[in-house]
Protein backbone atom coordinates (compact mmCIF):
# COMPACT_ATOMS: atom_id res chain seq x y z
CA MET A 1 4.32 -4.57 -58.58
CA GLY A 2 5.89 -7.83 -57.16
CA LYS A 3 5.05 -10.86 -55.32
CA LEU A 4 1.84 -10.08 -53.11
CA MET A 5 1.73 -10.44 -49.62
CA ILE A 6 -1.21 -11.09 -47.46
CA ASP A 7 -1.39 -7.69 -46.32
CA ASP A 8 -1.41 -6.99 -50.01
CA ILE A 9 -4.77 -8.45 -50.81
CA LYS A 10 -7.13 -5.42 -50.21
CA LEU A 11 -9.24 -3.14 -52.38
CA LYS A 12 -8.01 0.58 -51.53
CA ALA A 13 -11.36 3.42 -51.80
CA PRO A 14 -10.16 6.28 -54.14
CA GLY A 15 -9.31 8.89 -51.00
CA GLU A 16 -6.81 5.98 -49.84
CA GLN A 17 -4.96 5.79 -52.85
CA VAL A 18 -4.94 9.80 -53.36
CA GLU A 19 -3.60 10.07 -49.74
CA GLU A 20 -1.06 7.65 -50.61
CA MET A 21 0.30 9.44 -53.39
CA LEU A 22 0.10 12.70 -51.57
CA ILE A 23 1.91 11.61 -48.86
CA ASP A 24 4.78 9.81 -50.86
CA ARG A 25 5.18 13.51 -52.95
CA PHE A 26 4.77 15.74 -49.73
CA GLY A 27 5.38 13.91 -46.58
CA SER A 28 2.21 14.84 -45.26
CA ILE A 29 -1.45 16.27 -45.88
CA LYS A 30 -0.43 19.40 -44.14
CA ASN A 31 2.74 19.77 -46.46
CA PHE A 32 0.63 19.55 -49.71
CA ALA A 33 -2.45 21.77 -48.24
CA ARG A 34 0.41 24.48 -48.01
CA GLU A 35 1.16 23.49 -51.80
CA ILE A 36 -1.99 24.27 -52.91
CA GLY A 37 -3.32 26.75 -50.69
CA MET A 38 -6.07 24.68 -49.06
CA HIS A 39 -7.16 23.91 -45.39
CA PRO A 40 -5.88 20.22 -44.41
CA ARG A 41 -9.04 20.09 -43.06
CA THR A 42 -10.93 20.74 -46.59
CA ILE A 43 -8.90 17.95 -48.15
CA ARG A 44 -9.38 15.46 -45.17
CA GLN A 45 -12.98 15.39 -45.96
CA TYR A 46 -12.36 15.39 -49.73
CA LEU A 47 -10.84 12.41 -49.14
CA LYS A 48 -13.54 10.72 -47.50
CA GLU A 49 -15.50 11.06 -50.18
CA LYS A 50 -16.26 8.82 -53.06
CA ARG A 51 -15.48 11.18 -55.72
CA VAL A 52 -12.59 12.52 -54.04
CA GLY A 53 -13.91 16.51 -53.87
CA SER A 54 -14.80 18.92 -56.23
CA ASP A 55 -13.72 19.05 -59.97
CA GLY A 56 -11.38 21.94 -58.99
CA PHE A 57 -9.52 19.69 -56.52
CA ARG A 58 -9.49 16.90 -59.24
CA VAL A 59 -8.18 19.22 -61.93
CA LYS A 60 -5.26 20.23 -59.13
CA LEU A 61 -4.62 16.13 -58.68
CA THR A 62 -4.12 15.78 -62.25
CA ASN A 63 -1.62 18.62 -62.85
CA ILE A 64 0.17 17.56 -59.64
CA PHE A 65 0.97 14.55 -61.10
CA ASP A 66 0.81 14.59 -64.43
CA LYS A 67 -1.81 12.08 -65.02
CA GLY A 68 -5.20 11.12 -65.93
CA ILE A 69 -7.39 10.89 -63.45
CA SER A 70 -7.95 7.61 -64.13
CA GLU A 71 -4.46 6.50 -63.72
CA ILE A 72 -4.89 8.34 -60.03
CA ILE A 73 -7.74 6.67 -58.81
CA ILE A 74 -7.96 2.89 -59.86
CA PRO A 75 -11.51 1.40 -59.54
CA GLU A 76 -11.84 -1.45 -57.51
CA GLU A 77 -12.40 -4.00 -59.59
CA GLU A 78 -9.39 -2.93 -61.81
CA GLN A 79 -7.29 -3.65 -58.54
CA LEU A 80 -8.42 -7.00 -58.57
CA LYS A 81 -7.73 -7.58 -62.49
CA GLU A 82 -4.48 -5.76 -61.64
CA MET A 83 -3.88 -8.60 -58.88
CA VAL A 84 -5.25 -11.62 -60.39
CA GLU A 85 -2.76 -10.92 -63.70
CA ASN A 86 0.04 -10.25 -61.17
CA ILE A 87 -0.35 -13.64 -59.70
CA TYR A 88 -1.08 -15.03 -63.25
CA ASP A 89 2.28 -14.04 -64.96
CA ASN A 90 4.28 -14.82 -61.87
CA ILE A 91 2.78 -18.16 -60.07
CA ARG A 92 6.03 -19.41 -59.99
CA GLU A 93 6.98 -17.49 -57.33
CA TYR A 94 3.60 -18.44 -54.88
CA LYS A 95 5.02 -21.86 -53.57
CA ASP A 96 4.88 -21.41 -50.04
CA GLU A 97 2.08 -22.27 -47.42
CA GLU A 98 1.10 -19.00 -46.99
CA ASP A 99 1.13 -17.82 -50.53
CA MET A 100 -1.61 -20.28 -51.07
CA GLU A 101 -3.85 -17.82 -48.40
CA VAL A 102 -2.88 -14.96 -50.83
CA LEU A 103 -4.39 -17.27 -53.61
CA LYS A 104 -7.30 -18.16 -51.38
CA ALA A 105 -7.49 -14.54 -50.62
CA VAL A 106 -8.21 -13.00 -53.92
CA LYS A 107 -9.83 -15.64 -55.59
CA LYS A 108 -12.58 -14.93 -52.67
CA LEU A 109 -12.57 -11.29 -53.49
CA CYS A 110 -13.13 -12.12 -57.06
CA ILE A 111 -16.29 -14.18 -56.18
CA GLU A 112 -17.68 -11.40 -53.99
CA ASN A 113 -17.27 -8.59 -56.68
CA GLU A 114 -18.87 -11.34 -59.53
CA LEU A 115 -15.79 -11.10 -61.53
CA ASN A 116 -16.33 -14.42 -63.12
CA LEU A 117 -13.59 -14.78 -65.44
CA GLN A 118 -10.73 -13.31 -62.69
CA SER A 119 -12.13 -16.39 -60.21
CA LEU A 120 -11.55 -18.86 -62.70
CA LYS A 121 -7.71 -17.42 -63.47
CA MET A 122 -7.46 -17.38 -59.75
CA GLN A 123 -8.65 -21.39 -59.45
CA ARG A 124 -6.25 -21.87 -62.66
CA ASN A 125 -3.40 -20.34 -60.58
CA ILE A 126 -4.16 -22.32 -57.48
CA ALA A 127 -3.93 -25.18 -59.49
CA MET A 128 -0.40 -24.39 -60.67
CA ALA A 129 0.98 -23.61 -57.69
CA TYR A 130 -0.49 -27.13 -56.16
CA PHE A 131 1.37 -28.31 -59.35
CA TYR A 132 4.48 -26.61 -58.66
CA ARG A 133 4.45 -27.99 -55.05
CA ASN A 134 4.47 -31.38 -56.43
CA ASP A 135 0.71 -32.01 -55.51
CA VAL A 136 -0.05 -33.10 -58.89
CA ASP A 137 -3.27 -34.89 -57.88
CA LYS A 138 -4.67 -31.66 -56.26
CA ALA A 139 -3.64 -29.66 -58.94
CA ILE A 140 -5.41 -31.78 -61.62
CA GLY A 141 -8.24 -31.55 -59.71
CA PHE A 142 -8.91 -27.56 -59.62
CA MET A 143 -7.55 -27.18 -63.44
CA GLU A 144 -9.83 -29.54 -64.73
CA SER A 145 -12.87 -27.98 -62.70
CA THR A 146 -11.54 -24.63 -64.47
CA ILE A 147 -11.54 -26.16 -67.69
CA ASN A 148 -15.40 -27.50 -67.39
CA ARG A 149 -16.30 -23.96 -66.71
CA ILE A 150 -14.89 -21.87 -69.43
CA ASN A 151 -15.79 -21.56 -73.06
CA ILE A 152 -13.38 -18.79 -74.05
CA ARG A 153 -11.11 -20.62 -76.73
CA GLU A 154 -7.58 -18.77 -75.69
CA TYR A 155 -7.82 -20.11 -72.13
CA LEU A 156 -9.05 -23.38 -73.24
CA ILE A 157 -5.96 -23.53 -75.09
CA LYS A 158 -3.79 -22.22 -72.43
CA TRP A 159 -5.03 -24.12 -69.42
CA LYS A 160 -5.85 -27.58 -71.12
CA SER A 161 -2.10 -27.76 -72.30
CA GLU A 162 -1.16 -27.16 -68.93
CA LEU A 163 -3.24 -29.89 -67.65
CA GLY A 164 -1.71 -31.81 -70.34
CA LEU A 165 1.72 -31.19 -68.54
CA MET A 166 0.60 -32.08 -64.90
CA TYR A 167 -0.50 -35.83 -66.76
CA PHE A 168 2.80 -36.25 -68.36
CA TYR A 169 4.75 -35.51 -64.99
CA GLN A 170 2.15 -38.01 -63.77
CA CYS A 171 3.53 -40.18 -66.44
CA LYS A 172 0.00 -40.57 -68.06
CA TYR A 173 1.35 -39.92 -71.71
CA THR A 174 -1.82 -41.17 -73.39
CA LYS A 175 -3.96 -38.71 -71.19
CA SER A 176 -1.47 -36.08 -72.01
CA LYS A 177 -1.12 -36.37 -75.49
CA GLU A 178 -5.09 -36.08 -75.86
CA LEU A 179 -5.24 -32.84 -74.43
CA PHE A 180 -2.45 -31.62 -76.40
CA ASP A 181 -4.60 -32.85 -79.45
CA GLU A 182 -7.12 -31.19 -78.35
CA VAL A 183 -4.99 -27.91 -77.69
CA GLU A 184 -3.81 -28.50 -81.51
CA GLU A 185 -7.42 -28.97 -82.97
CA LEU A 186 -8.15 -25.73 -80.79
CA LEU A 187 -5.73 -23.50 -82.08
CA THR A 188 -7.15 -24.09 -85.64
CA LYS A 189 -10.28 -22.55 -84.68
CA VAL A 190 -8.69 -19.45 -83.46
CA THR A 191 -7.12 -16.38 -85.88
CA LYS A 192 -4.33 -15.23 -83.89
CA MET A 193 -2.49 -16.64 -80.59
CA ASP A 194 0.10 -15.17 -78.29
CA ASP A 195 3.68 -16.21 -79.11
CA LYS A 196 4.20 -17.67 -75.52
CA THR A 197 1.16 -19.95 -75.45
CA LEU A 198 2.33 -21.20 -79.18
CA PHE A 199 5.84 -21.67 -77.70
CA LEU A 200 4.74 -23.62 -74.37
CA HIS A 201 2.45 -25.52 -76.67
CA TYR A 202 4.86 -26.79 -79.33
CA TYR A 203 7.78 -27.37 -76.17
CA ARG A 204 5.70 -29.71 -74.11
CA CYS A 205 4.38 -31.68 -77.33
CA GLY A 206 8.36 -32.22 -78.07
CA ILE A 207 9.00 -33.39 -74.57
CA LEU A 208 6.30 -35.70 -74.58
CA LYS A 209 7.28 -37.15 -78.06
CA ASN A 210 11.23 -37.36 -76.57
CA ASN A 211 8.99 -39.44 -73.96
CA THR A 212 7.11 -41.97 -76.04
CA GLY A 213 10.06 -42.52 -78.42
CA HIS A 214 9.03 -40.14 -81.30
CA HIS A 215 12.77 -38.87 -81.13
CA TYR A 216 12.41 -37.04 -85.02
CA SER A 217 8.91 -35.85 -84.52
CA ALA A 218 9.95 -34.49 -81.23
CA GLN A 219 12.99 -32.34 -82.95
CA LYS A 220 10.36 -30.97 -85.13
CA LEU A 221 8.63 -29.67 -82.71
CA PHE A 222 11.19 -28.19 -81.01
CA GLU A 223 12.01 -26.45 -84.54
CA LYS A 224 8.74 -24.88 -84.18
CA ALA A 225 8.95 -24.49 -80.36
CA LEU A 226 12.04 -22.14 -81.65
CA GLU A 227 9.93 -20.13 -84.04
CA TYR A 228 7.97 -18.55 -81.28
CA GLY A 229 10.76 -18.41 -78.67
CA ASN A 230 11.26 -14.41 -77.68
CA THR A 231 13.27 -15.10 -75.12
CA SER A 232 17.00 -16.51 -74.14
CA VAL A 233 15.53 -19.22 -71.81
CA GLU A 234 12.91 -19.81 -74.77
CA ILE A 235 15.59 -19.96 -77.65
CA GLY A 236 17.90 -21.83 -75.41
CA ARG A 237 15.86 -24.91 -74.27
CA SER A 238 14.43 -25.35 -77.92
CA VAL A 239 18.11 -25.52 -79.71
CA MET A 240 19.19 -27.39 -76.08
CA ASN A 241 16.32 -30.13 -76.61
CA ILE A 242 16.80 -30.39 -80.62
CA GLY A 243 19.98 -31.77 -79.45
CA ILE A 244 18.83 -33.86 -77.06
CA SER A 245 16.44 -35.22 -79.92
CA PHE A 246 19.44 -35.60 -81.89
CA LYS A 247 21.14 -37.84 -79.15
CA LYS A 248 18.07 -39.91 -79.13
CA GLN A 249 18.12 -40.82 -82.34
CA LYS A 250 22.08 -41.77 -81.66
CA LYS A 251 23.09 -38.50 -84.05
CA TYR A 252 25.46 -37.99 -81.84
CA LYS A 253 27.84 -35.40 -83.57
CA LYS A 254 24.54 -33.23 -84.46
CA ALA A 255 23.70 -33.60 -80.92
CA ILE A 256 27.06 -31.89 -79.58
CA GLU A 257 26.58 -29.29 -81.67
CA TYR A 258 23.23 -28.24 -80.48
CA LEU A 259 23.84 -28.52 -77.14
CA ASN A 260 26.90 -26.66 -77.34
CA LYS A 261 25.08 -24.22 -79.47
CA ALA A 262 22.41 -23.64 -76.44
CA LEU A 263 25.74 -23.34 -73.93
CA CYS A 264 25.93 -20.16 -75.87
CA VAL A 265 22.60 -18.69 -75.81
CA PHE A 266 22.18 -19.01 -71.48
CA GLU A 267 23.64 -16.93 -69.48
CA ASP A 268 22.52 -18.43 -65.93
CA ASP A 269 24.37 -20.97 -64.16
CA SER A 270 20.91 -23.22 -63.71
CA ASN A 271 20.12 -24.02 -67.66
CA LYS A 272 23.91 -24.34 -68.10
CA SER A 273 23.99 -27.15 -66.01
CA THR A 274 21.30 -28.71 -67.66
CA ILE A 275 22.85 -28.52 -70.69
CA LEU A 276 25.79 -30.11 -68.96
CA ASN A 277 23.88 -32.80 -67.69
CA ASN A 278 23.05 -33.71 -71.27
CA LEU A 279 26.55 -33.65 -72.21
CA ALA A 280 27.37 -35.84 -69.71
CA GLU A 281 24.39 -38.55 -70.44
CA LEU A 282 25.63 -38.29 -74.23
CA TYR A 283 29.04 -39.17 -73.25
CA LYS A 284 27.40 -41.86 -71.09
CA SER A 285 25.57 -43.27 -74.20
CA LEU A 286 28.91 -43.41 -76.17
CA GLY A 287 30.89 -45.17 -73.26
CA GLU A 288 33.48 -42.24 -72.35
CA TYR A 289 32.28 -42.11 -69.20
CA ASP A 290 35.58 -40.38 -68.00
CA LYS A 291 34.41 -37.33 -70.04
CA ALA A 292 31.07 -37.84 -69.28
CA LEU A 293 32.04 -37.46 -65.17
CA TYR A 294 33.74 -34.14 -66.31
CA TYR A 295 30.26 -32.66 -67.17
CA ILE A 296 28.37 -34.24 -64.39
CA LYS A 297 30.77 -32.64 -62.06
CA LEU A 298 30.47 -29.40 -63.92
CA ALA A 299 26.64 -29.92 -63.96
CA LEU A 300 26.47 -30.19 -60.24
CA ASN A 301 29.11 -27.26 -59.43
CA HIS A 302 26.68 -24.81 -61.46
CA ILE A 303 22.86 -25.14 -59.53
CA ASP A 304 22.59 -24.26 -56.03
CA GLU A 305 23.01 -26.30 -52.75
CA GLU A 306 19.49 -25.88 -52.19
CA ASP A 307 18.12 -27.13 -55.51
CA PHE A 308 16.99 -30.75 -54.42
CA ALA A 309 15.13 -31.86 -57.14
CA THR A 310 17.69 -30.72 -59.81
CA ARG A 311 20.38 -32.06 -57.71
CA PHE A 312 18.09 -35.37 -57.38
CA ILE A 313 18.08 -35.64 -61.70
CA TYR A 314 21.71 -34.84 -61.75
CA TYR A 315 22.77 -37.75 -59.60
CA GLU A 316 20.82 -40.01 -60.81
CA THR A 317 23.15 -39.33 -64.31
CA TYR A 318 25.84 -39.65 -62.02
CA ALA A 319 24.99 -42.75 -60.48
CA GLN A 320 24.70 -44.51 -64.01
CA ILE A 321 27.96 -42.97 -65.14
CA LEU A 322 29.53 -44.84 -62.13
CA MET A 323 27.48 -48.05 -62.95
CA GLY A 324 28.78 -47.89 -66.30
CA LYS A 325 32.45 -48.09 -64.79
CA GLY A 326 31.58 -50.80 -62.50
CA GLU A 327 31.63 -48.59 -59.26
CA PHE A 328 27.86 -49.87 -58.23
CA LYS A 329 28.36 -49.25 -54.67
CA GLU A 330 29.17 -45.75 -54.31
CA ALA A 331 25.79 -44.92 -57.00
CA VAL A 332 23.84 -47.10 -55.35
CA ASP A 333 24.50 -45.47 -52.00
CA LYS A 334 23.93 -41.78 -53.29
CA LEU A 335 20.61 -42.22 -55.08
CA ILE A 336 19.42 -44.19 -51.83
CA GLU A 337 20.68 -40.95 -49.51
CA LEU A 338 18.56 -38.74 -52.12
CA ILE A 339 15.58 -40.86 -52.31
CA ASN A 340 15.24 -41.16 -48.09
CA LYS A 341 15.37 -37.33 -48.21
CA ALA A 342 12.91 -36.98 -51.31
CA GLU A 343 10.25 -37.55 -49.33
CA ASP A 344 10.29 -34.30 -47.07
CA LYS A 345 10.97 -32.10 -50.84
CA PHE A 346 9.07 -31.42 -53.39
CA ILE A 347 10.57 -34.14 -56.23
CA TYR A 348 7.77 -35.41 -59.15
CA ARG A 349 7.00 -39.05 -59.18
CA LYS A 350 8.21 -39.55 -62.40
CA PHE A 351 11.97 -38.27 -61.15
CA ILE A 352 11.70 -40.74 -58.60
CA ILE A 353 10.87 -43.82 -59.81
CA GLU A 354 13.55 -43.32 -62.65
CA GLY A 355 16.06 -43.08 -59.49
CA ILE A 356 14.70 -46.46 -58.55
CA ASN A 357 14.91 -48.10 -61.51
CA THR A 358 18.56 -47.18 -61.91
CA ILE A 359 18.71 -48.83 -58.44
CA ILE A 360 17.68 -51.54 -59.58
CA GLU A 361 19.62 -51.99 -62.74
CA CYS A 362 22.64 -51.52 -60.59
CA GLY A 363 21.46 -54.01 -58.16
CA LYS A 364 20.89 -56.46 -61.14
CA ARG A 365 23.83 -56.09 -62.58
CA SER A 366 26.34 -55.99 -59.62
CA ASN A 367 24.81 -59.64 -58.20
CA ASP A 368 25.43 -58.24 -54.33
CA LYS A 369 22.95 -60.09 -52.71
CA ASP A 370 23.49 -57.67 -49.25
CA MET A 371 22.95 -54.60 -51.94
CA LEU A 372 20.26 -56.19 -53.40
CA LYS A 373 18.75 -56.66 -50.06
CA ASN A 374 18.91 -52.85 -48.78
CA ILE A 375 17.83 -51.64 -52.39
CA GLU A 376 14.72 -53.84 -51.77
CA GLU A 377 13.73 -52.23 -48.65
CA VAL A 378 14.00 -48.70 -49.54
CA ILE A 379 12.10 -49.33 -52.47
CA LEU A 380 9.09 -51.11 -50.06
CA LYS A 381 9.38 -47.70 -48.17
CA VAL A 382 9.15 -45.31 -51.19
CA ILE A 383 6.75 -47.41 -53.34
CA ASN A 384 4.07 -47.03 -50.28
CA LYS A 385 4.24 -43.14 -50.96
CA ILE A 386 3.65 -43.27 -54.81
CA ASN A 387 0.38 -44.34 -56.50
CA GLY A 388 1.05 -45.61 -59.75
CA GLY A 389 0.89 -43.78 -62.73
CA CYS A 390 4.39 -44.73 -64.09
CA LYS A 391 6.04 -48.44 -64.78
CA ILE A 392 8.57 -49.79 -61.70
CA GLN A 393 10.32 -52.48 -63.35
CA TRP A 394 9.46 -54.75 -60.26
CA PRO A 395 10.45 -57.18 -58.87
CA LEU A 396 14.01 -56.89 -58.55
CA LYS A 397 14.52 -61.13 -59.95
CA GLU A 398 13.13 -62.50 -62.30
C-alpha cells in the first residue's frame, strides 16, 4: 500500500471488499455470475449482507481467489490497523498540508473504534509530521502528550528516542541527553528490541555526542550502531559518522579512510553528497582550501535543486571555505541570500543559527563596516523569528 490520500480513509464493508476483487478479476458482477452459474441479482444481494452470502458462496470465493476468507474479507479493525502501520512506517512522506488532514482523519477513526494503541500511534505520527515540517515546538507538544499516555516499554523506547531527536534539533542538548539516557535504562528492562530501533538509538546518541564535544564516545556509539545496521543507508551513515568523529578528533588520515569507505557503500546522490560535504569540511580544517572547494562543488552538484535545506547546509560549508581563502564578501552574500529565503522553507533553527554565526565570523574577520551593517540588519530580522534554544554569538562587536 502506497501513501494514503484522504479518499483512502474509509472502512470498507465486507461486500464492498468482495465486489472490488470480483470486478478487478472479472470486469463485472455479471461476468462473475456467468462464471459460477448464479444469477447476478443473487450475488448483489449477497454483497449487501454482513456475512456475504451462504457457506457455499464463500467456498466458491476462496477457490476462485485461492485465498482464505480472512484474506478476502478484512475486518474493519484490521483495515484501520493496516492504515496506521502504513503511515507509521512511511511518515516522512506525509509532509504536505493535505497530508495532515489524512493523519487526523485516521486518528479520528481510531478513537471512534476505541483502538487506544492505534490512536496513540497516530498521535505520534502527527508529532513526527510536524517535526519533518520544522514545526518542532508543536511536534514536541504532541510527542510528550503521547508518551504520557503510553506504558508499553517498546513504544516508550521508540518515542522517547524520537523526542530526544526533536530536542536535539532545538539545540536543547541537556534535555536530549536526559531522554537518550532514559531510553538506555528502558533497554535494560526489555528482553528483545528490533534492530532498527537499536540502530536509531545508538546513531542519535552518537550525533548528540559529536555535537557536544565527546567525539571518542561518539565514535564508539556509531560503531555500536553499525552492529545493528541492515541497509546500505544505515551502514553507510554509521561508517560516515565514524569518519566524522575521527575528523573532530583531528585524526584526519583515519577520517578520510572512513569517509571514502562510506562513499563506496552509498549508491544514491543524496547520501554521496553528504560525504562530499564532509570531505570538503575536512580539507577546510587542514587549510587545503582548493581541495575543499573541489569537494563542496561536487557535493552541490549531487543534490536536487529543490532540496533547499541541504543546499543551505552545504552553502554554509562553501562560505566557510571562501572565508578561509579571504573571499569574505562572496561568502556573506550567498549566506544572506539563503537565510532570507529560509523564512519560507523548512530549515531547522539549528542550521539557520549556524549560518548566522558563520556570517558574523566573516564580518568580524573582514572588518568591513558596510558589510557589518548589512549583516546586523539581516540578523536582527532573522532573530525575531527564532525562539531561543541555540546560542548566537551576539553582539557583533565585543
